[in-house]
Structure formats: C-alpha cells, structure tokens
Protein backbone atom coordinates (compact mmCIF):
# COMPACT_ATOMS: atom_id res chain seq x y z
CA MET A 1 163.22 199.08 136.70
CA ASN A 2 160.28 201.47 136.24
CA THR A 3 162.05 204.81 136.52
CA LEU A 4 165.51 206.09 135.73
CA THR A 5 167.65 207.58 138.49
CA LEU A 6 170.24 209.97 137.10
CA GLY A 7 173.40 210.83 138.99
CA PRO A 8 175.60 213.85 138.32
CA VAL A 9 176.89 214.69 134.86
CA GLY A 10 180.16 212.79 134.66
CA ASN A 11 181.17 213.58 131.08
CA VAL A 12 180.22 216.12 128.42
CA PHE A 13 180.95 215.27 124.77
CA PHE A 14 181.42 217.89 122.07
CA PHE A 15 181.44 216.47 118.55
CA VAL A 16 183.71 218.54 116.30
CA PRO A 17 184.44 218.53 112.56
CA ASP A 18 188.18 219.28 113.05
CA LEU A 19 189.53 217.53 116.13
CA ASP A 20 193.05 218.98 115.89
CA ALA A 21 191.75 222.56 115.68
CA ALA A 22 189.29 221.98 118.53
CA VAL A 23 191.97 220.44 120.77
CA ALA A 24 194.29 223.40 120.12
CA TRP A 25 191.47 225.85 120.88
CA TYR A 26 190.46 224.14 124.14
CA GLU A 27 194.06 223.70 125.27
CA ALA A 28 194.57 227.45 124.83
CA LEU A 29 191.25 228.28 126.48
CA LEU A 30 191.76 225.99 129.48
CA GLY A 31 195.51 226.49 129.76
CA LEU A 32 195.84 222.71 130.02
CA PRO A 33 196.94 220.03 127.60
CA ALA A 34 194.51 217.20 126.98
CA GLU A 35 195.11 214.47 129.57
CA ARG A 36 194.46 211.79 126.99
CA ALA A 37 194.52 212.12 123.23
CA MET A 38 193.55 209.41 120.77
CA PRO A 39 192.90 209.58 117.02
CA GLN A 40 189.16 210.11 117.56
CA LEU A 41 189.05 212.01 120.86
CA ALA A 42 190.77 214.12 123.51
CA VAL A 43 189.91 214.25 127.21
CA TRP A 44 190.29 216.71 130.10
CA GLN A 45 189.25 215.97 133.69
CA LEU A 46 187.82 219.26 134.98
CA ALA A 47 186.92 218.96 138.66
CA ALA A 48 184.19 216.29 138.87
CA THR A 49 183.27 216.38 135.16
CA ARG A 50 185.19 215.11 132.18
CA LEU A 51 185.21 217.12 128.93
CA THR A 52 185.62 215.00 125.82
CA LEU A 53 186.14 216.30 122.31
CA HIS A 54 185.21 213.64 119.75
CA ALA A 55 185.72 213.75 116.00
CA GLU A 56 182.41 213.83 114.18
CA ASP A 57 181.42 210.51 112.65
CA GLU A 58 178.38 208.90 111.06
CA TYR A 59 176.49 208.98 114.37
CA ASP A 60 177.01 212.60 115.35
CA ALA A 61 178.10 214.66 112.32
CA ARG A 62 176.19 217.77 111.35
CA GLY A 63 173.27 216.58 109.27
CA ALA A 64 173.06 213.22 111.09
CA PRO A 65 169.76 212.32 112.81
CA ALA A 66 171.05 213.80 116.08
CA THR A 67 173.96 216.17 116.68
CA GLY A 68 175.42 218.47 119.28
CA THR A 69 176.58 218.32 122.85
CA VAL A 70 175.87 215.13 124.77
CA PRO A 71 175.86 215.24 128.58
CA TYR A 72 176.50 211.82 130.13
CA PHE A 73 174.63 211.29 133.37
CA ASP A 74 175.88 208.60 135.72
CA VAL A 75 173.63 205.57 136.17
CA ALA A 76 174.05 202.34 138.11
CA ASP A 77 173.40 200.02 135.14
CA VAL A 78 173.67 201.28 131.54
CA ASP A 79 172.05 198.18 130.07
CA ALA A 80 169.00 198.32 132.32
CA ALA A 81 168.69 202.07 131.78
CA THR A 82 168.89 201.57 128.00
CA ALA A 83 166.16 198.93 128.13
CA LEU A 84 163.92 201.27 130.11
CA CYS A 85 164.45 204.15 127.69
CA VAL A 86 163.79 201.94 124.66
CA ALA A 87 160.65 200.55 126.29
CA ARG A 88 159.44 204.15 126.60
CA GLY A 89 159.96 204.95 122.93
CA ALA A 90 163.60 206.05 122.73
CA VAL A 91 166.29 204.50 120.52
CA ALA A 92 169.77 203.32 121.51
CA HIS A 93 171.61 205.65 119.11
CA ARG A 94 175.21 204.69 119.91
CA GLY A 95 176.07 201.79 122.17
CA PRO A 96 175.79 200.58 124.83
CA LYS A 97 179.47 199.78 124.75
CA THR A 98 182.46 199.55 127.05
CA VAL A 99 185.13 202.14 126.22
CA PHE A 100 188.88 202.39 126.86
CA SER A 101 188.39 203.66 130.44
CA GLY A 102 186.24 200.69 131.46
CA GLU A 103 183.07 202.81 131.52
CA ARG A 104 179.89 201.67 129.79
CA LEU A 105 178.35 204.40 127.66
CA VAL A 106 175.23 204.78 125.57
CA GLN A 107 173.65 207.65 123.69
CA ILE A 108 169.86 207.53 123.81
CA LEU A 109 167.90 209.34 121.10
CA ASP A 110 164.73 210.46 122.86
CA PRO A 111 161.39 210.65 121.02
CA PHE A 112 161.93 214.42 120.59
CA GLY A 113 165.29 214.27 118.78
CA ASN A 114 167.59 214.92 121.76
CA LEU A 115 170.63 212.88 122.71
CA LEU A 116 170.87 211.77 126.33
CA GLY A 117 174.15 210.19 127.39
CA LEU A 118 174.21 207.56 130.11
CA ARG A 119 177.46 206.53 131.79
CA GLN A 120 178.15 203.61 134.09
CA PRO A 121 181.51 204.27 135.75
CA GLY A 122 183.93 201.38 135.48
CA ALA A 123 187.08 200.33 137.23
CA GLY A 124 189.74 202.96 136.62
CA SER A 125 187.29 205.50 135.18
CA GLY A 126 188.04 208.10 137.82
CA ALA A 127 184.53 207.92 139.34
C-alpha cells in the first residue's frame, strides 16, 4: 500500500467532559434519544453518518496531546492504513482496536497535531 484511499465519513466523534449533559443536549437538539448508550459513549445514526459522543479520557481530554472532533473515514483495512500512516511519520494515537459494533477503529495523530479517524466497517456495523 503506497497511498491511502478514504471512503465517506462514517462516524464523527465528539469528546465531552460531561457525557450526561452532552447526551441531554444532543437529544433535545436532535429530537431523538441516543440509539445506544454505554457508560463511556452514546450513539445516534444520522442518515449515512454516525454521531458518537464519548466521555473525555486520557487520550482525548482537553490538555491531552490531541483533542477535539475526530471524523472517521471508511477504509478497507485499518491495520494496513495505520502502517502506511506510521511509515509516513504519523503516530497510532488510539488503537487500532475492534469495538462493540465489530468495526475496527484507529485514531492517527498526524505530524501536524491533528487527529484522523479511520474506520473499517465490520459485520453488524450498519455499513
């Protein structure tokens, strides 16, 4: 693999300091309850893109090396894409790992301080 082919944005993560308050705010804003709520996150499927609110943690809290919104672009192979990014000077910031939905996710910290999310859809992930 010499280049990375990105598909559409499949998931957007917002890292929040108060998950309960953020869930209440987004439920009121969207007029929809979260489709899935867990202790560390809540999820809405909005058309073709998933919105995920995630409680801040040591990887993504304000003041951590990288913070903010993380768009997850679909890729065919998260592990190969991670290797390519690392070979070009990026760091695997969080993951790669398989999550509850069967998807494989990784956050890549690019050489400029930005987080790039890569998502390999899995069985039962909804795309």
